[in-house]
Amino acid sequence: MPPDLLRLDIVVPVLMYCALLWWVGRGLSWTAKLATAVVTLVLIICVVLVERR
């Protein structure tokens, strides 16, 4: 794996988001969890793409 794909400034926030989603989403339905995850991951990807330009 190239070092650019395993940067801690990207990996750590994603892992923290997953932990937060698990904690907050315990009472949510699976569709609500999935929708929240998709929207947030799309936002993270957009931010990463903008920062790399």
Protein backbone atom coordinates (compact mmCIF):
# COMPACT_ATOMS: atom_id res chain seq x y z
CA MET A 1 0.00 0.00 0.00
CA PRO A 2 1.42 3.42 -0.90
CA PRO A 3 1.96 5.72 2.10
CA ASP A 4 -0.56 8.25 0.71
CA LEU A 5 -3.42 5.78 1.15
CA LEU A 6 -2.63 5.13 4.81
CA ARG A 7 -2.32 8.66 6.18
CA LEU A 8 -3.29 9.05 9.82
CA ASP A 9 -4.92 12.44 9.22
CA ILE A 10 -7.50 10.60 7.09
CA VAL A 11 -7.73 7.24 8.85
CA VAL A 12 -8.17 8.55 12.41
CA PRO A 13 -11.19 10.82 11.68
CA VAL A 14 -12.87 8.02 9.72
CA LEU A 15 -12.38 5.57 12.61
CA MET A 16 -13.64 8.16 15.10
CA TYR A 17 -16.69 8.74 12.91
CA CYS A 18 -17.43 5.01 12.80
CA ALA A 19 -17.21 4.78 16.60
CA LEU A 20 -19.45 7.83 17.01
CA LEU A 21 -21.96 6.47 14.51
CA TRP A 22 -22.08 3.16 16.41
CA TRP A 23 -22.57 4.95 19.74
CA VAL A 24 -25.24 7.41 18.57
CA GLY A 25 -26.92 5.03 16.15
CA ARG A 26 -27.77 2.33 18.66
CA GLY A 27 -31.41 3.41 18.65
CA LEU A 28 -31.65 4.09 14.92
CA SER A 29 -33.02 1.74 12.31
CA TRP A 30 -30.63 0.13 9.85
CA THR A 31 -31.81 2.37 7.01
CA ALA A 32 -31.21 5.51 9.09
CA LYS A 33 -27.74 4.27 10.04
CA LEU A 34 -26.94 3.50 6.42
CA ALA A 35 -28.18 6.87 5.19
CA THR A 36 -26.17 8.71 7.85
CA ALA A 37 -23.04 6.74 7.02
CA VAL A 38 -23.37 7.32 3.28
CA VAL A 39 -23.94 11.07 3.61
CA THR A 40 -21.04 11.52 6.01
CA LEU A 41 -18.63 9.40 3.99
CA VAL A 42 -19.52 11.36 0.84
CA LEU A 43 -18.74 14.59 2.72
CA ILE A 44 -15.42 13.15 3.92
CA ILE A 45 -14.50 12.14 0.36
CA CYS A 46 -15.39 15.61 -0.93
CA VAL A 47 -13.19 17.27 1.70
CA VAL A 48 -10.27 14.95 0.92
CA LEU A 49 -10.59 15.60 -2.81
CA VAL A 50 -10.67 19.37 -2.29
CA GLU A 51 -7.64 19.26 0.02
CA ARG A 52 -5.57 17.25 -2.46
CA ARG A 53 -6.02 19.79 -5.28
